[in-house]
Amino acid sequence: MSHLVLLGDSTLDNGAYVRGGPAVIDQVRTHLPEGWRATLLAVDGSRIDGVHRQLQRLPDDASHLVLSVGGNDLLAEAGVLGEPASTVGRAVLMLADIRDRFGAAYFALLKEFVATGLPTLVCTVYEPRFPDEALRRSTAAALSLFDDLIVRAAQGAGLPVLELRAVCSDDADFANPIEPSSAGGDKFARALRTVIRHHDFSAGRATVYP
């Protein structure tokens, strides 16, 4: 029996936000191919450094891993969007400094996933649905720098990527500005099923889905 393990943050551990609706783990279990089961190790609020501890709890029979993390790390740095900068170039450099820190932490974590030898799917960070339009646009623009890094890290490791900006793309996919709703969770679970059914994890090929 194949055993899928979900690691990361509230993108996967969203049960507290769906108001009695199905959480992501429930929806993943519903849509997994026959003969598969799933375990949730992701913890709401986790940052990159917290996933190292989640990895220590991997079940002995884990066969496939899903990683979705980084959003909380970036939220902690979101204050930079309100900082003054003398030029556009200076503003970009401020983001680049954050990106370098994020990248060092993310690459180190991904190295641990690769060391498990288990097939792994990496997720990008979706775009928050802030009610303020200007904040939403600036956040989405800045986020592209970090999602690019996630994709490049996965490419370097030969891992497939689930592009959550394409999966959770409607306001209805969010229970609040930063957490997936049951509708978003269902879309995630269906996209995950597609990857499981069609991706050849043994090929070491970094395909972006959908």
C-alpha atoms as a PDB file:
ATOM      1  CA  MET A   1       0.000   0.000   0.000  1.00  0.00           C
ATOM      2  CA  SER A   2       1.295   3.462  -0.897  1.00  0.00           C
ATOM      3  CA  HIS A   3       1.437   5.951   1.970  1.00  0.00           C
ATOM      4  CA  LEU A   4       1.399   9.676   1.177  1.00  0.00           C
ATOM      5  CA  VAL A   5       2.593  12.080   3.888  1.00  0.00           C
ATOM      6  CA  LEU A   6       1.743  15.805   3.875  1.00  0.00           C
ATOM      7  CA  LEU A   7       4.293  18.141   5.472  1.00  0.00           C
ATOM      8  CA  GLY A   8       4.329  21.907   5.844  1.00  0.00           C
ATOM      9  CA  ASP A   9       1.861  24.524   7.049  1.00  0.00           C
ATOM     10  CA  SER A  10      -1.839  25.425   7.015  1.00  0.00           C
ATOM     11  CA  THR A  11      -2.049  25.075   3.254  1.00  0.00           C
ATOM     12  CA  LEU A  12      -2.305  21.395   4.161  1.00  0.00           C
ATOM     13  CA  ASP A  13      -3.440  21.669   7.804  1.00  0.00           C
ATOM     14  CA  ASN A  14      -6.496  23.881   7.261  1.00  0.00           C
ATOM     15  CA  GLY A  15      -9.043  22.102   9.441  1.00  0.00           C
ATOM     16  CA  ALA A  16      -9.407  25.089  11.777  1.00  0.00           C
ATOM     17  CA  TYR A  17     -10.615  27.327   8.957  1.00  0.00           C
ATOM     18  CA  VAL A  18     -13.220  25.351   7.012  1.00  0.00           C
ATOM     19  CA  ARG A  19     -16.117  25.738   9.504  1.00  0.00           C
ATOM     20  CA  GLY A  20     -17.146  22.118   9.603  1.00  0.00           C
ATOM     21  CA  GLY A  21     -16.374  21.450   5.950  1.00  0.00           C
ATOM     22  CA  PRO A  22     -13.833  18.880   4.819  1.00  0.00           C
ATOM     23  CA  ALA A  23     -10.195  19.725   5.443  1.00  0.00           C
ATOM     24  CA  VAL A  24      -7.439  19.159   2.912  1.00  0.00           C
ATOM     25  CA  ILE A  25      -6.403  15.839   4.464  1.00  0.00           C
ATOM     26  CA  ASP A  26      -9.991  14.542   4.184  1.00  0.00           C
ATOM     27  CA  GLN A  27     -10.197  15.600   0.559  1.00  0.00           C
ATOM     28  CA  VAL A  28      -6.817  14.101  -0.277  1.00  0.00           C
ATOM     29  CA  ARG A  29      -7.916  10.785   1.196  1.00  0.00           C
ATOM     30  CA  THR A  30     -11.116  10.938  -0.854  1.00  0.00           C
ATOM     31  CA  HIS A  31      -9.293  11.515  -4.128  1.00  0.00           C
ATOM     32  CA  LEU A  32      -6.288   9.254  -3.708  1.00  0.00           C
ATOM     33  CA  PRO A  33      -6.084   6.248  -6.025  1.00  0.00           C
ATOM     34  CA  GLU A  34      -7.325   2.961  -4.654  1.00  0.00           C
ATOM     35  CA  GLY A  35      -4.833   1.335  -2.328  1.00  0.00           C
ATOM     36  CA  TRP A  36      -3.336   4.627  -1.109  1.00  0.00           C
ATOM     37  CA  ARG A  37      -3.584   6.210   2.319  1.00  0.00           C
ATOM     38  CA  ALA A  38      -2.489   9.605   3.655  1.00  0.00           C
ATOM     39  CA  THR A  39      -1.072  11.011   6.882  1.00  0.00           C
ATOM     40  CA  LEU A  40      -1.000  14.678   7.897  1.00  0.00           C
ATOM     41  CA  LEU A  41       2.206  15.880   9.567  1.00  0.00           C
ATOM     42  CA  ALA A  42       1.841  19.491   8.422  1.00  0.00           C
ATOM     43  CA  VAL A  43       1.085  21.913  11.248  1.00  0.00           C
ATOM     44  CA  ASP A  44      -0.819  25.180  10.975  1.00  0.00           C
ATOM     45  CA  GLY A  45       1.553  28.119  11.453  1.00  0.00           C
ATOM     46  CA  SER A  46       4.733  26.225  10.615  1.00  0.00           C
ATOM     47  CA  ARG A  47       7.693  27.900   8.981  1.00  0.00           C
ATOM     48  CA  ILE A  48      10.505  26.256   7.055  1.00  0.00           C
ATOM     49  CA  ASP A  49      12.552  25.461  10.152  1.00  0.00           C
ATOM     50  CA  GLY A  50       9.588  23.652  11.720  1.00  0.00           C
ATOM     51  CA  VAL A  51       9.356  21.136   8.883  1.00  0.00           C
ATOM     52  CA  HIS A  52      12.710  19.650   9.877  1.00  0.00           C
ATOM     53  CA  ARG A  53      10.957  18.425  13.033  1.00  0.00           C
ATOM     54  CA  GLN A  54       8.029  17.102  11.016  1.00  0.00           C
ATOM     55  CA  LEU A  55      10.428  15.006   8.943  1.00  0.00           C
ATOM     56  CA  GLN A  56      11.660  13.332  12.120  1.00  0.00           C
ATOM     57  CA  ARG A  57       8.150  11.921  12.576  1.00  0.00           C
ATOM     58  CA  LEU A  58       7.872  10.244   9.178  1.00  0.00           C
ATOM     59  CA  PRO A  59       6.066   6.902   9.368  1.00  0.00           C
ATOM     60  CA  ASP A  60       8.300   3.942   8.609  1.00  0.00           C
ATOM     61  CA  ASP A  61       6.098   2.964   5.684  1.00  0.00           C
ATOM     62  CA  ALA A  62       5.932   6.432   4.066  1.00  0.00           C
ATOM     63  CA  SER A  63       6.202   6.075   0.296  1.00  0.00           C
ATOM     64  CA  HIS A  64       5.553   9.598  -1.061  1.00  0.00           C
ATOM     65  CA  LEU A  65       5.934  13.107   0.395  1.00  0.00           C
ATOM     66  CA  VAL A  66       4.223  16.432  -0.292  1.00  0.00           C
ATOM     67  CA  LEU A  67       5.834  19.665   0.870  1.00  0.00           C
ATOM     68  CA  SER A  68       3.987  22.979   1.085  1.00  0.00           C
ATOM     69  CA  VAL A  69       5.740  25.616   3.187  1.00  0.00           C
ATOM     70  CA  GLY A  70       7.091  29.150   2.983  1.00  0.00           C
ATOM     71  CA  GLY A  71       3.995  31.303   3.242  1.00  0.00           C
ATOM     72  CA  ASN A  72       4.415  31.954   6.958  1.00  0.00           C
ATOM     73  CA  ASP A  73       8.080  32.798   6.497  1.00  0.00           C
ATOM     74  CA  LEU A  74       7.078  35.403   3.932  1.00  0.00           C
ATOM     75  CA  LEU A  75       4.239  36.788   6.055  1.00  0.00           C
ATOM     76  CA  ALA A  76       6.800  37.444   8.781  1.00  0.00           C
ATOM     77  CA  GLU A  77       8.716  39.593   6.288  1.00  0.00           C
ATOM     78  CA  ALA A  78       5.668  41.346   4.791  1.00  0.00           C
ATOM     79  CA  GLY A  79       6.422  44.576   6.644  1.00  0.00           C
ATOM     80  CA  VAL A  80       9.091  45.316   4.051  1.00  0.00           C
ATOM     81  CA  LEU A  81       6.307  46.237   1.629  1.00  0.00           C
ATOM     82  CA  GLY A  82       5.620  49.322   3.741  1.00  0.00           C
ATOM     83  CA  GLU A  83       9.254  50.355   4.105  1.00  0.00           C
ATOM     84  CA  PRO A  84      10.472  53.495   2.298  1.00  0.00           C
ATOM     85  CA  ALA A  85      13.077  53.120  -0.452  1.00  0.00           C
ATOM     86  CA  SER A  86      14.927  55.858  -2.304  1.00  0.00           C
ATOM     87  CA  THR A  87      14.788  54.065  -5.666  1.00  0.00           C
ATOM     88  CA  VAL A  88      13.062  51.071  -7.256  1.00  0.00           C
ATOM     89  CA  GLY A  89      16.467  49.401  -7.373  1.00  0.00           C
ATOM     90  CA  ARG A  90      16.872  49.831  -3.625  1.00  0.00           C
ATOM     91  CA  ALA A  91      13.416  48.345  -3.044  1.00  0.00           C
ATOM     92  CA  VAL A  92      14.308  45.311  -5.157  1.00  0.00           C
ATOM     93  CA  LEU A  93      17.525  44.853  -3.193  1.00  0.00           C
ATOM     94  CA  MET A  94      15.516  44.814   0.038  1.00  0.00           C
ATOM     95  CA  LEU A  95      13.424  41.982  -1.390  1.00  0.00           C
ATOM     96  CA  ALA A  96      16.558  40.256  -2.647  1.00  0.00           C
ATOM     97  CA  ASP A  97      17.991  40.177   0.872  1.00  0.00           C
ATOM     98  CA  ILE A  98      14.850  38.432   2.107  1.00  0.00           C
ATOM     99  CA  ARG A  99      14.927  36.087  -0.873  1.00  0.00           C
ATOM    100  CA  ASP A 100      18.516  35.084  -0.082  1.00  0.00           C
ATOM    101  CA  ARG A 101      17.590  34.181   3.507  1.00  0.00           C
ATOM    102  CA  PHE A 102      14.487  32.337   2.372  1.00  0.00           C
ATOM    103  CA  GLY A 103      16.463  30.477  -0.277  1.00  0.00           C
ATOM    104  CA  ALA A 104      19.165  29.306   2.111  1.00  0.00           C
ATOM    105  CA  ALA A 105      16.549  27.886   4.484  1.00  0.00           C
ATOM    106  CA  TYR A 106      14.435  26.332   1.725  1.00  0.00           C
ATOM    107  CA  PHE A 107      17.351  24.678  -0.071  1.00  0.00           C
ATOM    108  CA  ALA A 108      18.581  23.190   3.210  1.00  0.00           C
ATOM    109  CA  LEU A 109      15.125  21.756   3.892  1.00  0.00           C
ATOM    110  CA  LEU A 110      14.744  20.345   0.406  1.00  0.00           C
ATOM    111  CA  LYS A 111      18.117  18.648   0.770  1.00  0.00           C
ATOM    112  CA  GLU A 112      16.676  16.727   3.741  1.00  0.00           C
ATOM    113  CA  PHE A 113      13.680  15.647   1.678  1.00  0.00           C
ATOM    114  CA  VAL A 114      15.946  14.373  -1.083  1.00  0.00           C
ATOM    115  CA  ALA A 115      18.018  12.496   1.514  1.00  0.00           C
ATOM    116  CA  THR A 116      14.952  10.426   2.474  1.00  0.00           C
ATOM    117  CA  GLY A 117      15.045   8.846  -0.973  1.00  0.00           C
ATOM    118  CA  LEU A 118      11.250   9.102  -1.156  1.00  0.00           C
ATOM    119  CA  PRO A 119       9.358  10.544  -4.136  1.00  0.00           C
ATOM    120  CA  THR A 120       8.494  14.136  -3.252  1.00  0.00           C
ATOM    121  CA  LEU A 121       6.137  16.758  -4.661  1.00  0.00           C
ATOM    122  CA  VAL A 122       6.939  20.407  -3.924  1.00  0.00           C
ATOM    123  CA  CYS A 123       4.247  23.118  -3.840  1.00  0.00           C
ATOM    124  CA  THR A 124       4.643  26.802  -4.575  1.00  0.00           C
ATOM    125  CA  VAL A 125       3.006  29.447  -2.370  1.00  0.00           C
ATOM    126  CA  TYR A 126      -0.368  30.716  -3.569  1.00  0.00           C
ATOM    127  CA  GLU A 127      -1.239  34.414  -3.778  1.00  0.00           C
ATOM    128  CA  PRO A 128      -3.027  35.734  -0.659  1.00  0.00           C
ATOM    129  CA  ARG A 129      -6.473  37.248  -1.125  1.00  0.00           C
ATOM    130  CA  PHE A 130      -6.018  40.474   0.829  1.00  0.00           C
ATOM    131  CA  PRO A 131      -9.108  42.732   0.564  1.00  0.00           C
ATOM    132  CA  ASP A 132      -6.959  45.782  -0.175  1.00  0.00           C
ATOM    133  CA  GLU A 133      -6.324  45.671  -3.928  1.00  0.00           C
ATOM    134  CA  ALA A 134      -2.996  47.507  -3.790  1.00  0.00           C
ATOM    135  CA  LEU A 135      -1.679  45.161  -1.103  1.00  0.00           C
ATOM    136  CA  ARG A 136      -2.889  42.158  -3.046  1.00  0.00           C
ATOM    137  CA  ARG A 137      -1.080  43.289  -6.191  1.00  0.00           C
ATOM    138  CA  SER A 138       2.170  44.193  -4.458  1.00  0.00           C
ATOM    139  CA  THR A 139       2.165  40.920  -2.533  1.00  0.00           C
ATOM    140  CA  ALA A 140       1.590  38.894  -5.687  1.00  0.00           C
ATOM    141  CA  ALA A 141       4.412  40.695  -7.463  1.00  0.00           C
ATOM    142  CA  ALA A 142       6.843  40.168  -4.592  1.00  0.00           C
ATOM    143  CA  LEU A 143       5.757  36.545  -4.161  1.00  0.00           C
ATOM    144  CA  SER A 144       6.848  35.729  -7.702  1.00  0.00           C
ATOM    145  CA  LEU A 145      10.476  36.161  -6.607  1.00  0.00           C
ATOM    146  CA  PHE A 146      10.082  33.472  -3.967  1.00  0.00           C
ATOM    147  CA  ASP A 147       7.985  31.065  -6.016  1.00  0.00           C
ATOM    148  CA  ASP A 148      10.635  31.289  -8.722  1.00  0.00           C
ATOM    149  CA  LEU A 149      13.158  30.184  -6.113  1.00  0.00           C
ATOM    150  CA  ILE A 150      10.967  27.244  -5.053  1.00  0.00           C
ATOM    151  CA  VAL A 151      10.615  26.104  -8.655  1.00  0.00           C
ATOM    152  CA  ARG A 152      14.361  26.390  -9.241  1.00  0.00           C
ATOM    153  CA  ALA A 153      15.101  24.461  -6.063  1.00  0.00           C
ATOM    154  CA  ALA A 154      12.768  21.691  -7.188  1.00  0.00           C
ATOM    155  CA  GLN A 155      14.299  21.668 -10.653  1.00  0.00           C
ATOM    156  CA  GLY A 156      17.759  21.310  -9.173  1.00  0.00           C
ATOM    157  CA  ALA A 157      16.570  18.349  -7.111  1.00  0.00           C
ATOM    158  CA  GLY A 158      14.659  16.773  -9.999  1.00  0.00           C
ATOM    159  CA  LEU A 159      11.316  17.029  -8.196  1.00  0.00           C
ATOM    160  CA  PRO A 160       7.863  17.809  -9.605  1.00  0.00           C
ATOM    161  CA  VAL A 161       6.127  21.040  -8.627  1.00  0.00           C
ATOM    162  CA  LEU A 162       2.459  21.741  -7.960  1.00  0.00           C
ATOM    163  CA  GLU A 163       1.857  25.396  -8.868  1.00  0.00           C
ATOM    164  CA  LEU A 164      -0.677  26.492  -6.264  1.00  0.00           C
ATOM    165  CA  ARG A 165      -1.112  29.912  -7.865  1.00  0.00           C
ATOM    166  CA  ALA A 166      -2.832  28.069 -10.712  1.00  0.00           C
ATOM    167  CA  VAL A 167      -4.740  25.657  -8.453  1.00  0.00           C
ATOM    168  CA  CYS A 168      -6.115  28.129  -5.884  1.00  0.00           C
ATOM    169  CA  SER A 169      -6.912  30.915  -8.303  1.00  0.00           C
ATOM    170  CA  ASP A 170     -10.373  32.136  -7.246  1.00  0.00           C
ATOM    171  CA  ASP A 171     -11.511  34.042  -4.163  1.00  0.00           C
ATOM    172  CA  ALA A 172     -13.818  31.118  -3.301  1.00  0.00           C
ATOM    173  CA  ASP A 173     -10.728  28.933  -2.876  1.00  0.00           C
ATOM    174  CA  PHE A 174      -9.871  30.827   0.327  1.00  0.00           C
ATOM    175  CA  ALA A 175     -11.480  30.673   3.760  1.00  0.00           C
ATOM    176  CA  ASN A 176      -9.711  33.926   4.651  1.00  0.00           C
ATOM    177  CA  PRO A 177      -6.953  35.890   2.905  1.00  0.00           C
ATOM    178  CA  ILE A 178      -4.287  33.257   3.583  1.00  0.00           C
ATOM    179  CA  GLU A 179      -5.970  29.903   4.255  1.00  0.00           C
ATOM    180  CA  PRO A 180      -7.547  27.507   1.737  1.00  0.00           C
ATOM    181  CA  SER A 181     -11.278  26.846   1.925  1.00  0.00           C
ATOM    182  CA  SER A 182     -12.896  23.478   1.323  1.00  0.00           C
ATOM    183  CA  ALA A 183     -13.321  24.538  -2.305  1.00  0.00           C
ATOM    184  CA  GLY A 184      -9.610  25.272  -2.584  1.00  0.00           C
ATOM    185  CA  GLY A 185      -8.763  22.066  -0.775  1.00  0.00           C
ATOM    186  CA  ASP A 186     -10.825  20.039  -3.217  1.00  0.00           C
ATOM    187  CA  LYS A 187      -8.990  21.605  -6.145  1.00  0.00           C
ATOM    188  CA  PHE A 188      -5.679  20.839  -4.448  1.00  0.00           C
ATOM    189  CA  ALA A 189      -6.654  17.210  -3.823  1.00  0.00           C
ATOM    190  CA  ARG A 190      -7.718  16.715  -7.433  1.00  0.00           C
ATOM    191  CA  ALA A 191      -4.502  18.274  -8.733  1.00  0.00           C
ATOM    192  CA  LEU A 192      -2.484  16.073  -6.380  1.00  0.00           C
ATOM    193  CA  ARG A 193      -4.277  12.989  -7.696  1.00  0.00           C
ATOM    194  CA  THR A 194      -3.298  13.977 -11.239  1.00  0.00           C
ATOM    195  CA  VAL A 195       0.364  14.222 -10.275  1.00  0.00           C
ATOM    196  CA  ILE A 196       0.286  10.867  -8.496  1.00  0.00           C
ATOM    197  CA  ARG A 197      -1.341   9.159 -11.447  1.00  0.00           C
ATOM    198  CA  HIS A 198       0.777  10.652 -14.215  1.00  0.00           C
ATOM    199  CA  HIS A 199       4.188  11.687 -12.894  1.00  0.00           C
ATOM    200  CA  ASP A 200       7.105   9.268 -13.203  1.00  0.00           C
ATOM    201  CA  PHE A 201       8.922   9.989  -9.944  1.00  0.00           C
ATOM    202  CA  SER A 202      11.732   7.602 -10.889  1.00  0.00           C
ATOM    203  CA  ALA A 203      12.715   9.784 -13.860  1.00  0.00           C
ATOM    204  CA  GLY A 204      14.072  12.632 -11.742  1.00  0.00           C
ATOM    205  CA  ARG A 205      12.230  15.088 -13.978  1.00  0.00           C
ATOM    206  CA  ALA A 206      11.096  18.465 -12.645  1.00  0.00           C
ATOM    207  CA  THR A 207       7.678  18.912 -14.226  1.00  0.00           C
ATOM    208  CA  VAL A 208       5.400  21.778 -13.192  1.00  0.00           C
ATOM    209  CA  TYR A 209       1.717  20.879 -12.717  1.00  0.00           C
ATOM    210  CA  PRO A 210      -0.973  21.710 -13.759  1.00  0.00           C
END
